[in-house]
């Protein structure tokens, strides 16, 4: 609540892109820059990579536990990607939005569609495009996290993922990382000022007119 009596429901900012196009890097940079933005931590059945921390990077769960979360409606979205399951726990996101906290999440197009169907008024979606397919492949290889076979599989899947760009509210071409971070930050700043998100604005304006 501001001194003027205006408060705001939080925004669910969703970033999607083909693997290697930059959605995760941009997401984490936004959280580091903006203290009023929190990161949604997904649940996954994939093995933990070196340096990843359970509860910070992902909630690493067993396939049985993930199936129970789906069955009990605990996930805002879920999908299977390259043989592993991923999903967004609903409870912490909904609590944050009610408290006026903005949440950012990087999910694929399938997850975005599920979130949009469930909470369209809260969601702002951004699709991150690579500057070229050659640059995308180079980024995937430079990460040194996946085998050559996995890189080939991700590149093969990229064409299908790219076909969903038009389903998003905004599109950013990630030619330069810092510029892309600034552009997504500008999208968030503008969305925070949308009229329908500012609760109590009617009363505030009425007081101004009556003064």
N, C-alpha and C. Protein backbone atom coordinates (compact mmCIF):
# COMPACT_ATOMS: atom_id res chain seq x y z
N UNK A 1 0.85 -1.20 0.00
CA UNK A 1 0.00 0.00 0.00
C UNK A 1 0.88 1.25 0.00
N UNK A 2 0.64 2.18 -0.92
CA UNK A 2 1.39 3.42 -0.99
C UNK A 2 0.75 4.45 -0.07
N UNK A 3 1.44 5.58 0.19
CA UNK A 3 0.84 6.64 1.00
C UNK A 3 -0.45 7.19 0.40
N UNK A 4 -0.66 6.99 -0.90
CA UNK A 4 -1.85 7.48 -1.57
C UNK A 4 -3.02 6.49 -1.50
N UNK A 5 -2.79 5.34 -0.85
CA UNK A 5 -3.85 4.35 -0.75
C UNK A 5 -3.96 3.44 -1.95
N UNK A 6 -2.97 3.47 -2.84
CA UNK A 6 -2.99 2.62 -4.04
C UNK A 6 -2.07 1.42 -3.80
N UNK A 7 -2.59 0.25 -4.04
CA UNK A 7 -1.76 -0.94 -3.96
C UNK A 7 -1.84 -1.69 -5.28
N UNK A 8 -1.03 -2.69 -5.44
CA UNK A 8 -0.97 -3.38 -6.73
C UNK A 8 -0.86 -4.88 -6.53
N UNK A 9 -1.66 -5.62 -7.30
CA UNK A 9 -1.50 -7.07 -7.33
C UNK A 9 -0.25 -7.38 -8.14
N UNK A 10 0.45 -8.42 -7.74
CA UNK A 10 1.69 -8.77 -8.41
C UNK A 10 1.48 -9.24 -9.84
N UNK A 11 2.57 -9.25 -10.59
CA UNK A 11 2.59 -9.69 -11.99
C UNK A 11 3.35 -11.01 -12.07
N UNK A 12 2.86 -11.92 -12.88
CA UNK A 12 3.60 -13.13 -13.21
C UNK A 12 4.24 -12.91 -14.58
N UNK A 13 5.53 -12.62 -14.58
CA UNK A 13 6.29 -12.38 -15.81
C UNK A 13 6.89 -13.69 -16.28
N UNK A 14 6.53 -14.12 -17.47
CA UNK A 14 7.00 -15.40 -18.00
C UNK A 14 7.88 -15.18 -19.22
N UNK A 15 9.07 -15.77 -19.19
CA UNK A 15 10.00 -15.69 -20.31
C UNK A 15 10.14 -17.09 -20.93
N UNK A 16 10.07 -17.15 -22.25
CA UNK A 16 10.27 -18.40 -22.97
C UNK A 16 11.25 -18.18 -24.11
N UNK A 17 11.92 -19.26 -24.50
CA UNK A 17 12.83 -19.21 -25.64
C UNK A 17 13.28 -20.63 -25.93
N UNK A 18 13.86 -20.87 -27.11
CA UNK A 18 14.54 -22.14 -27.32
C UNK A 18 15.72 -22.25 -26.35
N UNK A 19 16.13 -23.47 -26.04
CA UNK A 19 17.28 -23.66 -25.16
C UNK A 19 18.50 -22.93 -25.72
N UNK A 20 19.14 -22.13 -24.88
CA UNK A 20 20.34 -21.42 -25.29
C UNK A 20 20.12 -20.01 -25.78
N UNK A 21 18.85 -19.59 -25.91
CA UNK A 21 18.58 -18.24 -26.43
C UNK A 21 18.65 -17.16 -25.36
N UNK A 22 18.69 -17.56 -24.07
CA UNK A 22 18.96 -16.56 -23.04
C UNK A 22 17.90 -16.35 -21.98
N UNK A 23 16.81 -17.11 -21.99
CA UNK A 23 15.72 -16.81 -21.05
C UNK A 23 16.15 -16.97 -19.60
N UNK A 24 16.92 -18.00 -19.30
CA UNK A 24 17.33 -18.21 -17.90
C UNK A 24 18.32 -17.16 -17.44
N UNK A 25 19.27 -16.80 -18.29
CA UNK A 25 20.25 -15.76 -17.94
C UNK A 25 19.56 -14.42 -17.71
N UNK A 26 18.64 -14.06 -18.59
CA UNK A 26 17.91 -12.79 -18.44
C UNK A 26 17.06 -12.81 -17.18
N UNK A 27 16.40 -13.92 -16.93
CA UNK A 27 15.55 -14.05 -15.74
C UNK A 27 16.36 -13.80 -14.47
N UNK A 28 17.48 -14.45 -14.36
CA UNK A 28 18.28 -14.33 -13.13
C UNK A 28 18.89 -12.92 -13.00
N UNK A 29 19.24 -12.31 -14.11
CA UNK A 29 19.77 -10.95 -14.07
C UNK A 29 18.71 -9.97 -13.60
N UNK A 30 17.47 -10.15 -14.04
CA UNK A 30 16.39 -9.27 -13.61
C UNK A 30 16.18 -9.36 -12.10
N UNK A 31 16.23 -10.58 -11.56
CA UNK A 31 16.04 -10.77 -10.12
C UNK A 31 17.16 -10.10 -9.34
N UNK A 32 18.39 -10.18 -9.84
CA UNK A 32 19.52 -9.55 -9.16
C UNK A 32 19.40 -8.03 -9.16
N UNK A 33 18.84 -7.46 -10.22
CA UNK A 33 18.74 -6.00 -10.34
C UNK A 33 17.54 -5.42 -9.60
N UNK A 34 16.48 -6.19 -9.48
CA UNK A 34 15.20 -5.67 -8.98
C UNK A 34 14.79 -6.41 -7.72
N UNK A 35 14.89 -5.76 -6.59
CA UNK A 35 14.59 -6.41 -5.31
C UNK A 35 13.10 -6.69 -5.13
N UNK A 36 12.25 -6.05 -5.92
CA UNK A 36 10.81 -6.30 -5.81
C UNK A 36 10.35 -7.42 -6.74
N UNK A 37 11.31 -8.10 -7.35
CA UNK A 37 11.01 -9.21 -8.26
C UNK A 37 11.58 -10.49 -7.68
N UNK A 38 10.75 -11.52 -7.60
CA UNK A 38 11.19 -12.80 -7.04
C UNK A 38 11.16 -13.88 -8.12
N UNK A 39 12.03 -14.85 -7.97
CA UNK A 39 12.15 -15.93 -8.94
C UNK A 39 11.26 -17.10 -8.56
N UNK A 40 10.47 -17.56 -9.51
CA UNK A 40 9.69 -18.77 -9.31
C UNK A 40 10.62 -19.97 -9.45
N UNK A 41 10.57 -20.85 -8.48
CA UNK A 41 11.43 -22.03 -8.49
C UNK A 41 10.61 -23.23 -8.94
N UNK A 42 10.98 -23.81 -10.06
CA UNK A 42 10.24 -24.92 -10.63
C UNK A 42 10.60 -26.24 -9.96
N UNK A 43 9.70 -27.18 -10.06
CA UNK A 43 9.97 -28.56 -9.66
C UNK A 43 10.38 -29.34 -10.90
N UNK A 44 11.31 -30.28 -10.74
CA UNK A 44 11.75 -31.07 -11.88
C UNK A 44 12.18 -32.46 -11.44
N UNK A 45 12.08 -33.40 -12.37
CA UNK A 45 12.54 -34.76 -12.10
C UNK A 45 13.93 -35.00 -12.68
N UNK A 46 14.51 -34.00 -13.34
CA UNK A 46 15.84 -34.24 -13.93
C UNK A 46 16.91 -34.22 -12.86
N UNK A 47 18.04 -34.89 -13.12
CA UNK A 47 19.13 -34.90 -12.13
C UNK A 47 19.71 -33.50 -11.92
N UNK A 48 20.23 -33.29 -10.75
CA UNK A 48 20.85 -32.00 -10.44
C UNK A 48 22.19 -31.88 -11.16
N UNK A 49 22.43 -30.71 -11.76
CA UNK A 49 23.71 -30.45 -12.43
C UNK A 49 24.72 -29.92 -11.42
N UNK A 50 26.01 -30.00 -11.73
CA UNK A 50 27.03 -29.46 -10.82
C UNK A 50 26.76 -27.99 -10.49
N UNK A 51 26.79 -27.65 -9.21
CA UNK A 51 26.60 -26.28 -8.77
C UNK A 51 25.17 -25.91 -8.48
N UNK A 52 24.21 -26.73 -8.87
CA UNK A 52 22.80 -26.43 -8.61
C UNK A 52 22.43 -26.78 -7.17
N UNK A 53 21.57 -25.95 -6.59
CA UNK A 53 21.16 -26.11 -5.20
C UNK A 53 19.66 -26.40 -5.16
N UNK A 54 19.29 -27.46 -4.46
CA UNK A 54 17.88 -27.82 -4.33
C UNK A 54 17.13 -26.73 -3.58
N UNK A 55 16.01 -26.28 -4.15
CA UNK A 55 15.22 -25.23 -3.53
C UNK A 55 15.59 -23.84 -4.01
N UNK A 56 16.74 -23.71 -4.65
CA UNK A 56 17.17 -22.42 -5.19
C UNK A 56 17.09 -22.41 -6.71
N UNK A 57 17.69 -23.38 -7.34
CA UNK A 57 17.63 -23.46 -8.80
C UNK A 57 16.38 -24.23 -9.24
N UNK A 58 16.12 -25.33 -8.58
CA UNK A 58 14.93 -26.15 -8.81
C UNK A 58 14.58 -26.86 -7.51
N UNK A 59 13.33 -27.34 -7.44
CA UNK A 59 12.96 -28.32 -6.44
C UNK A 59 13.12 -29.68 -7.14
N UNK A 60 14.15 -30.43 -6.77
CA UNK A 60 14.41 -31.71 -7.41
C UNK A 60 13.57 -32.78 -6.71
N UNK A 61 12.66 -33.38 -7.46
CA UNK A 61 11.73 -34.35 -6.89
C UNK A 61 11.77 -35.65 -7.68
N UNK A 62 11.27 -36.70 -7.06
CA UNK A 62 11.19 -37.99 -7.74
C UNK A 62 10.01 -37.99 -8.72
N UNK A 63 10.04 -38.89 -9.70
CA UNK A 63 8.89 -38.99 -10.61
C UNK A 63 7.58 -39.26 -9.89
N UNK A 64 7.61 -40.07 -8.83
CA UNK A 64 6.38 -40.35 -8.08
C UNK A 64 5.84 -39.10 -7.40
N UNK A 65 6.74 -38.30 -6.81
CA UNK A 65 6.31 -37.07 -6.15
C UNK A 65 5.76 -36.08 -7.17
N UNK A 66 6.39 -36.00 -8.33
CA UNK A 66 5.91 -35.09 -9.37
C UNK A 66 4.51 -35.51 -9.84
N UNK A 67 4.32 -36.80 -10.03
CA UNK A 67 3.01 -37.29 -10.45
C UNK A 67 1.94 -36.93 -9.43
N UNK A 68 2.29 -37.01 -8.15
CA UNK A 68 1.34 -36.66 -7.09
C UNK A 68 1.00 -35.17 -7.14
N UNK A 69 2.00 -34.32 -7.42
CA UNK A 69 1.76 -32.88 -7.53
C UNK A 69 0.81 -32.57 -8.68
N UNK A 70 0.97 -33.26 -9.79
CA UNK A 70 0.06 -33.08 -10.93
C UNK A 70 -1.34 -33.53 -10.55
N UNK A 71 -1.42 -34.69 -9.95
CA UNK A 71 -2.73 -35.26 -9.58
C UNK A 71 -3.49 -34.37 -8.61
N UNK A 72 -2.77 -33.76 -7.67
CA UNK A 72 -3.40 -32.97 -6.62
C UNK A 72 -3.59 -31.49 -7.00
N UNK A 73 -3.26 -31.13 -8.25
CA UNK A 73 -3.45 -29.76 -8.70
C UNK A 73 -2.50 -28.76 -8.08
N UNK A 74 -1.31 -29.21 -7.71
CA UNK A 74 -0.34 -28.34 -7.04
C UNK A 74 0.50 -27.52 -8.01
N UNK A 75 0.35 -27.74 -9.31
CA UNK A 75 1.20 -27.07 -10.30
C UNK A 75 0.39 -26.16 -11.20
N UNK A 76 0.91 -24.96 -11.45
CA UNK A 76 0.28 -24.04 -12.40
C UNK A 76 0.44 -24.54 -13.82
N UNK A 77 1.55 -25.22 -14.08
CA UNK A 77 1.82 -25.78 -15.40
C UNK A 77 2.82 -26.90 -15.23
N UNK A 78 2.83 -27.78 -16.20
CA UNK A 78 3.84 -28.85 -16.19
C UNK A 78 4.02 -29.37 -17.60
N UNK A 79 5.20 -29.89 -17.87
CA UNK A 79 5.51 -30.41 -19.20
C UNK A 79 6.66 -31.40 -19.10
N UNK A 80 6.77 -32.21 -20.12
CA UNK A 80 7.89 -33.12 -20.24
C UNK A 80 8.82 -32.60 -21.33
N UNK A 81 10.08 -32.40 -20.98
CA UNK A 81 11.07 -31.84 -21.91
C UNK A 81 12.31 -32.71 -21.88
N UNK A 82 12.67 -33.27 -23.03
CA UNK A 82 13.85 -34.13 -23.14
C UNK A 82 13.87 -35.23 -22.08
N UNK A 83 12.71 -35.83 -21.88
CA UNK A 83 12.63 -36.99 -20.99
C UNK A 83 12.46 -36.69 -19.52
N UNK A 84 12.42 -35.40 -19.15
CA UNK A 84 12.26 -35.03 -17.75
C UNK A 84 11.02 -34.15 -17.58
N UNK A 85 10.44 -34.18 -16.39
CA UNK A 85 9.25 -33.39 -16.11
C UNK A 85 9.62 -32.09 -15.39
N UNK A 86 8.93 -31.02 -15.75
CA UNK A 86 9.11 -29.71 -15.13
C UNK A 86 7.74 -29.14 -14.79
N UNK A 87 7.65 -28.38 -13.70
CA UNK A 87 6.38 -27.77 -13.34
C UNK A 87 6.57 -26.62 -12.37
N UNK A 88 5.57 -25.73 -12.33
CA UNK A 88 5.62 -24.56 -11.46
C UNK A 88 4.66 -24.74 -10.28
N UNK A 89 5.17 -24.86 -9.05
CA UNK A 89 4.29 -24.97 -7.89
C UNK A 89 3.39 -23.74 -7.77
N UNK A 90 2.08 -23.97 -7.59
CA UNK A 90 1.11 -22.88 -7.61
C UNK A 90 1.11 -22.05 -6.33
N UNK A 91 1.17 -22.70 -5.18
CA UNK A 91 0.95 -22.00 -3.90
C UNK A 91 1.87 -20.81 -3.68
N UNK A 92 3.20 -20.94 -3.84
CA UNK A 92 4.07 -19.78 -3.59
C UNK A 92 3.85 -18.64 -4.57
N UNK A 93 3.51 -18.96 -5.82
CA UNK A 93 3.25 -17.91 -6.82
C UNK A 93 2.00 -17.13 -6.46
N UNK A 94 0.94 -17.83 -6.14
CA UNK A 94 -0.33 -17.16 -5.81
C UNK A 94 -0.22 -16.33 -4.55
N UNK A 95 0.52 -16.82 -3.57
CA UNK A 95 0.72 -16.04 -2.33
C UNK A 95 1.46 -14.75 -2.64
N UNK A 96 2.48 -14.83 -3.47
CA UNK A 96 3.27 -13.65 -3.81
C UNK A 96 2.43 -12.62 -4.55
N UNK A 97 1.64 -13.05 -5.52
CA UNK A 97 0.81 -12.12 -6.29
C UNK A 97 -0.20 -11.42 -5.41
N UNK A 98 -0.79 -12.16 -4.48
CA UNK A 98 -1.75 -11.56 -3.56
C UNK A 98 -1.09 -10.49 -2.70
N UNK A 99 0.18 -10.69 -2.36
CA UNK A 99 0.92 -9.74 -1.53
C UNK A 99 1.49 -8.58 -2.33
N UNK A 100 1.28 -8.56 -3.65
CA UNK A 100 1.80 -7.48 -4.47
C UNK A 100 3.22 -7.68 -4.95
N UNK A 101 3.74 -8.89 -4.81
CA UNK A 101 5.10 -9.20 -5.25
C UNK A 101 5.08 -9.72 -6.68
N UNK A 102 5.99 -9.26 -7.51
CA UNK A 102 6.09 -9.74 -8.88
C UNK A 102 6.95 -11.00 -8.93
N UNK A 103 6.54 -11.94 -9.75
CA UNK A 103 7.23 -13.21 -9.90
C UNK A 103 7.68 -13.36 -11.35
N UNK A 104 8.89 -13.83 -11.56
CA UNK A 104 9.37 -14.10 -12.91
C UNK A 104 9.68 -15.59 -13.03
N UNK A 105 9.31 -16.15 -14.17
CA UNK A 105 9.51 -17.58 -14.39
C UNK A 105 9.95 -17.81 -15.83
N UNK A 106 10.88 -18.74 -16.02
CA UNK A 106 11.26 -19.11 -17.39
C UNK A 106 10.74 -20.52 -17.67
N UNK A 107 9.74 -20.60 -18.53
CA UNK A 107 9.13 -21.87 -18.90
C UNK A 107 8.99 -21.94 -20.42
N UNK A 108 8.67 -23.11 -20.93
CA UNK A 108 8.52 -23.24 -22.38
C UNK A 108 7.12 -22.82 -22.81
N UNK A 109 6.87 -22.91 -24.12
CA UNK A 109 5.59 -22.43 -24.65
C UNK A 109 4.41 -23.23 -24.12
N UNK A 110 4.63 -24.52 -23.86
CA UNK A 110 3.54 -25.34 -23.32
C UNK A 110 3.13 -24.84 -21.94
N UNK A 111 4.13 -24.58 -21.10
CA UNK A 111 3.85 -24.08 -19.77
C UNK A 111 3.18 -22.72 -19.80
N UNK A 112 3.61 -21.87 -20.73
CA UNK A 112 3.00 -20.54 -20.85
C UNK A 112 1.53 -20.65 -21.21
N UNK A 113 1.19 -21.54 -22.12
CA UNK A 113 -0.21 -21.72 -22.50
C UNK A 113 -1.05 -22.17 -21.31
N UNK A 114 -0.51 -23.08 -20.51
CA UNK A 114 -1.25 -23.55 -19.34
C UNK A 114 -1.45 -22.43 -18.32
N UNK A 115 -0.41 -21.64 -18.09
CA UNK A 115 -0.52 -20.52 -17.17
C UNK A 115 -1.53 -19.49 -17.68
N UNK A 116 -1.49 -19.23 -18.98
CA UNK A 116 -2.39 -18.24 -19.56
C UNK A 116 -3.85 -18.66 -19.39
N UNK A 117 -4.11 -19.95 -19.55
CA UNK A 117 -5.48 -20.44 -19.40
C UNK A 117 -5.97 -20.30 -17.96
N UNK A 118 -5.05 -20.37 -17.02
CA UNK A 118 -5.44 -20.37 -15.61
C UNK A 118 -5.43 -18.98 -14.98
N UNK A 119 -4.53 -18.11 -15.43
CA UNK A 119 -4.39 -16.81 -14.76
C UNK A 119 -3.97 -15.73 -15.75
N UNK A 120 -4.78 -15.53 -16.80
CA UNK A 120 -4.44 -14.61 -17.87
C UNK A 120 -4.26 -13.18 -17.39
N UNK A 121 -5.09 -12.72 -16.46
CA UNK A 121 -5.02 -11.32 -16.03
C UNK A 121 -3.72 -10.99 -15.29
N UNK A 122 -3.08 -11.99 -14.71
CA UNK A 122 -1.85 -11.77 -13.96
C UNK A 122 -0.60 -11.96 -14.79
N UNK A 123 -0.74 -12.55 -15.97
CA UNK A 123 0.43 -13.00 -16.72
C UNK A 123 0.86 -11.99 -17.78
N UNK A 124 2.18 -11.78 -17.86
CA UNK A 124 2.80 -11.00 -18.94
C UNK A 124 3.86 -11.92 -19.56
N UNK A 125 3.73 -12.19 -20.86
CA UNK A 125 4.62 -13.17 -21.49
C UNK A 125 5.58 -12.51 -22.47
N UNK A 126 6.84 -12.98 -22.44
CA UNK A 126 7.89 -12.45 -23.31
C UNK A 126 8.61 -13.62 -23.97
N UNK A 127 8.74 -13.58 -25.29
CA UNK A 127 9.48 -14.61 -26.01
C UNK A 127 10.84 -14.05 -26.41
N UNK A 128 11.89 -14.80 -26.09
CA UNK A 128 13.26 -14.38 -26.41
C UNK A 128 13.73 -15.13 -27.66
N UNK A 129 14.07 -14.38 -28.71
CA UNK A 129 14.57 -14.98 -29.94
C UNK A 129 16.09 -14.87 -30.01
N UNK A 130 16.75 -15.87 -30.57
CA UNK A 130 18.19 -15.75 -30.82
C UNK A 130 18.42 -14.89 -32.06
N UNK A 131 19.59 -14.27 -32.20
CA UNK A 131 19.85 -13.47 -33.41
C UNK A 131 19.99 -14.31 -34.66
N UNK A 132 20.38 -15.59 -34.49
CA UNK A 132 20.51 -16.51 -35.62
C UNK A 132 20.58 -17.93 -35.06
N UNK A 133 20.32 -18.93 -35.90
CA UNK A 133 20.43 -20.32 -35.46
C UNK A 133 21.89 -20.70 -35.22
N UNK A 134 22.79 -20.08 -35.98
CA UNK A 134 24.22 -20.35 -35.76
C UNK A 134 24.64 -19.87 -34.38
N UNK A 135 24.17 -18.69 -33.99
CA UNK A 135 24.50 -18.16 -32.67
C UNK A 135 23.88 -19.02 -31.57
N UNK A 136 22.68 -19.52 -31.83
CA UNK A 136 22.02 -20.38 -30.84
C UNK A 136 22.83 -21.66 -30.62
N UNK A 137 23.27 -22.30 -31.68
CA UNK A 137 24.05 -23.52 -31.54
C UNK A 137 25.37 -23.25 -30.82
N UNK A 138 26.00 -22.11 -31.14
CA UNK A 138 27.26 -21.77 -30.49
C UNK A 138 27.07 -21.58 -28.98
N UNK A 139 25.97 -20.97 -28.59
CA UNK A 139 25.70 -20.77 -27.16
C UNK A 139 25.48 -22.11 -26.46
N UNK A 140 24.75 -23.01 -27.12
CA UNK A 140 24.52 -24.32 -26.53
C UNK A 140 25.83 -25.07 -26.33
N UNK A 141 26.70 -25.01 -27.31
CA UNK A 141 27.97 -25.73 -27.20
C UNK A 141 28.89 -25.09 -26.16
N UNK A 142 28.83 -23.77 -26.02
CA UNK A 142 29.71 -23.08 -25.08
C UNK A 142 29.34 -23.33 -23.62
N UNK A 143 28.09 -23.76 -23.37
CA UNK A 143 27.68 -24.02 -21.99
C UNK A 143 28.39 -25.23 -21.39
N UNK A 144 28.77 -26.17 -22.26
CA UNK A 144 29.50 -27.38 -21.82
C UNK A 144 28.75 -28.15 -20.75
N UNK A 145 27.42 -28.06 -20.77
CA UNK A 145 26.61 -28.80 -19.80
C UNK A 145 26.00 -30.06 -20.42
N UNK A 146 25.89 -30.07 -21.73
CA UNK A 146 25.21 -31.17 -22.41
C UNK A 146 26.13 -31.84 -23.42
N UNK A 147 25.84 -33.10 -23.70
CA UNK A 147 26.61 -33.83 -24.70
C UNK A 147 26.28 -33.32 -26.10
N UNK A 148 27.11 -33.70 -27.05
CA UNK A 148 26.87 -33.30 -28.44
C UNK A 148 25.52 -33.82 -28.93
N UNK A 149 25.14 -35.01 -28.47
CA UNK A 149 23.86 -35.59 -28.86
C UNK A 149 22.69 -34.75 -28.33
N UNK A 150 22.81 -34.29 -27.08
CA UNK A 150 21.76 -33.45 -26.49
C UNK A 150 21.69 -32.11 -27.21
N UNK A 151 22.83 -31.54 -27.56
CA UNK A 151 22.85 -30.27 -28.29
C UNK A 151 22.12 -30.43 -29.63
N UNK A 152 22.37 -31.52 -30.32
CA UNK A 152 21.69 -31.77 -31.60
C UNK A 152 20.18 -31.89 -31.39
N UNK A 153 19.78 -32.56 -30.31
CA UNK A 153 18.35 -32.72 -30.03
C UNK A 153 17.71 -31.37 -29.72
N UNK A 154 18.41 -30.54 -28.97
CA UNK A 154 17.88 -29.22 -28.64
C UNK A 154 17.75 -28.34 -29.89
N UNK A 155 18.72 -28.43 -30.78
CA UNK A 155 18.65 -27.65 -32.02
C UNK A 155 17.50 -28.14 -32.90
N UNK A 156 17.28 -29.45 -32.93
CA UNK A 156 16.19 -29.99 -33.73
C UNK A 156 14.84 -29.53 -33.19
N UNK A 157 14.75 -29.38 -31.88
CA UNK A 157 13.50 -28.96 -31.24
C UNK A 157 13.27 -27.45 -31.37
N UNK A 158 14.32 -26.70 -31.63
CA UNK A 158 14.23 -25.24 -31.63
C UNK A 158 13.26 -24.70 -32.67
N UNK A 159 13.19 -25.33 -33.84
CA UNK A 159 12.30 -24.84 -34.89
C UNK A 159 10.85 -24.86 -34.43
N UNK A 160 10.44 -25.94 -33.76
CA UNK A 160 9.08 -26.02 -33.25
C UNK A 160 8.84 -24.97 -32.17
N UNK A 161 9.81 -24.80 -31.28
CA UNK A 161 9.67 -23.81 -30.21
C UNK A 161 9.55 -22.40 -30.79
N UNK A 162 10.34 -22.09 -31.81
CA UNK A 162 10.31 -20.76 -32.42
C UNK A 162 8.96 -20.46 -33.08
N UNK A 163 8.24 -21.49 -33.49
CA UNK A 163 6.96 -21.27 -34.17
C UNK A 163 5.90 -20.68 -33.25
N UNK A 164 6.14 -20.66 -31.94
CA UNK A 164 5.14 -20.17 -30.98
C UNK A 164 5.37 -18.71 -30.57
N UNK A 165 6.28 -18.03 -31.23
CA UNK A 165 6.61 -16.66 -30.81
C UNK A 165 5.40 -15.72 -30.84
N UNK A 166 4.49 -15.92 -31.78
CA UNK A 166 3.37 -15.00 -31.95
C UNK A 166 2.31 -15.12 -30.86
N UNK A 167 2.44 -16.13 -29.99
CA UNK A 167 1.48 -16.32 -28.90
C UNK A 167 1.81 -15.44 -27.70
N UNK A 168 2.91 -14.71 -27.76
CA UNK A 168 3.40 -13.96 -26.60
C UNK A 168 3.04 -12.47 -26.69
N UNK A 169 3.00 -11.82 -25.53
CA UNK A 169 2.68 -10.39 -25.48
C UNK A 169 3.81 -9.55 -26.06
N UNK A 170 5.05 -9.96 -25.80
CA UNK A 170 6.22 -9.19 -26.26
C UNK A 170 7.26 -10.17 -26.83
N UNK A 171 8.09 -9.65 -27.74
CA UNK A 171 9.18 -10.43 -28.33
C UNK A 171 10.46 -9.60 -28.27
N UNK A 172 11.54 -10.22 -27.77
CA UNK A 172 12.84 -9.57 -27.67
C UNK A 172 13.86 -10.43 -28.41
N UNK A 173 14.61 -9.82 -29.32
CA UNK A 173 15.70 -10.52 -30.01
C UNK A 173 16.98 -10.30 -29.20
N UNK A 174 17.54 -11.38 -28.70
CA UNK A 174 18.68 -11.30 -27.80
C UNK A 174 20.00 -11.20 -28.57
N UNK A 175 20.22 -10.03 -29.18
CA UNK A 175 21.49 -9.79 -29.89
C UNK A 175 22.61 -9.47 -28.91
N UNK A 176 22.30 -8.69 -27.89
CA UNK A 176 23.28 -8.30 -26.86
C UNK A 176 22.61 -8.48 -25.51
N UNK A 177 23.22 -9.25 -24.64
CA UNK A 177 22.58 -9.64 -23.39
C UNK A 177 22.15 -8.45 -22.54
N UNK A 178 23.03 -7.50 -22.31
CA UNK A 178 22.69 -6.36 -21.45
C UNK A 178 21.52 -5.57 -22.00
N UNK A 179 21.49 -5.39 -23.31
CA UNK A 179 20.38 -4.66 -23.94
C UNK A 179 19.07 -5.44 -23.77
N UNK A 180 19.14 -6.75 -23.90
CA UNK A 180 17.94 -7.57 -23.75
C UNK A 180 17.42 -7.53 -22.32
N UNK A 181 18.32 -7.54 -21.35
CA UNK A 181 17.91 -7.43 -19.95
C UNK A 181 17.21 -6.10 -19.71
N UNK A 182 17.77 -5.04 -20.26
CA UNK A 182 17.15 -3.71 -20.12
C UNK A 182 15.76 -3.68 -20.77
N UNK A 183 15.63 -4.31 -21.93
CA UNK A 183 14.35 -4.30 -22.63
C UNK A 183 13.27 -5.05 -21.85
N UNK A 184 13.62 -6.19 -21.30
CA UNK A 184 12.64 -6.93 -20.51
C UNK A 184 12.31 -6.17 -19.22
N UNK A 185 13.32 -5.51 -18.64
CA UNK A 185 13.07 -4.67 -17.47
C UNK A 185 12.11 -3.53 -17.78
N UNK A 186 12.22 -2.96 -18.97
CA UNK A 186 11.32 -1.88 -19.38
C UNK A 186 9.90 -2.40 -19.56
N UNK A 187 9.76 -3.62 -20.07
CA UNK A 187 8.44 -4.23 -20.19
C UNK A 187 7.79 -4.37 -18.82
N UNK A 188 8.56 -4.87 -17.86
CA UNK A 188 8.04 -5.04 -16.50
C UNK A 188 7.64 -3.70 -15.89
N UNK A 189 8.47 -2.68 -16.07
CA UNK A 189 8.17 -1.36 -15.51
C UNK A 189 6.87 -0.81 -16.09
N UNK A 190 6.66 -0.97 -17.39
CA UNK A 190 5.43 -0.48 -18.01
C UNK A 190 4.21 -1.26 -17.55
N UNK A 191 4.35 -2.57 -17.43
CA UNK A 191 3.22 -3.40 -17.01
C UNK A 191 2.80 -3.09 -15.57
N UNK A 192 3.74 -2.69 -14.74
CA UNK A 192 3.40 -2.34 -13.36
C UNK A 192 2.50 -1.10 -13.29
N UNK A 193 2.53 -0.28 -14.32
CA UNK A 193 1.74 0.96 -14.34
C UNK A 193 0.41 0.81 -15.06
N UNK A 194 0.11 -0.37 -15.55
CA UNK A 194 -1.19 -0.54 -16.22
C UNK A 194 -2.32 -0.20 -15.25
N UNK A 195 -3.32 0.46 -15.77
CA UNK A 195 -4.42 0.96 -14.95
C UNK A 195 -5.08 -0.14 -14.12
N UNK A 196 -5.36 -1.28 -14.73
CA UNK A 196 -6.12 -2.31 -14.03
C UNK A 196 -5.32 -2.98 -12.92
N UNK A 197 -3.99 -2.79 -12.92
CA UNK A 197 -3.17 -3.39 -11.87
C UNK A 197 -3.10 -2.52 -10.61
N UNK A 198 -3.44 -1.25 -10.74
CA UNK A 198 -3.32 -0.32 -9.60
C UNK A 198 -4.65 -0.29 -8.84
N UNK A 199 -4.72 -1.09 -7.79
CA UNK A 199 -5.94 -1.22 -7.01
C UNK A 199 -6.10 0.00 -6.10
N UNK A 200 -7.31 0.57 -6.09
CA UNK A 200 -7.56 1.77 -5.30
C UNK A 200 -7.35 3.05 -6.08
N UNK A 201 -7.06 2.93 -7.37
CA UNK A 201 -6.81 4.11 -8.19
C UNK A 201 -8.08 4.95 -8.35
N UNK A 202 -9.23 4.29 -8.48
CA UNK A 202 -10.49 5.03 -8.60
C UNK A 202 -10.72 5.95 -7.40
N UNK A 203 -10.51 5.39 -6.21
CA UNK A 203 -10.72 6.18 -4.99
C UNK A 203 -9.74 7.34 -4.91
N UNK A 204 -8.50 7.08 -5.32
CA UNK A 204 -7.48 8.13 -5.28
C UNK A 204 -7.84 9.28 -6.22
N UNK A 205 -8.27 8.96 -7.43
CA UNK A 205 -8.64 9.99 -8.39
C UNK A 205 -9.87 10.75 -7.91
N UNK A 206 -10.82 10.05 -7.31
CA UNK A 206 -12.01 10.73 -6.79
C UNK A 206 -11.65 11.71 -5.68
N UNK A 207 -10.68 11.34 -4.85
CA UNK A 207 -10.23 12.26 -3.81
C UNK A 207 -9.57 13.49 -4.41
N UNK A 208 -8.78 13.27 -5.47
CA UNK A 208 -8.15 14.40 -6.15
C UNK A 208 -9.19 15.36 -6.72
N UNK A 209 -10.21 14.80 -7.32
CA UNK A 209 -11.24 15.64 -7.94
C UNK A 209 -12.08 16.38 -6.91
N UNK A 210 -12.20 15.77 -5.72
CA UNK A 210 -13.02 16.40 -4.69
C UNK A 210 -12.28 17.37 -3.81
N UNK A 211 -10.94 17.41 -3.99
CA UNK A 211 -10.13 18.29 -3.12
C UNK A 211 -10.32 19.76 -3.50
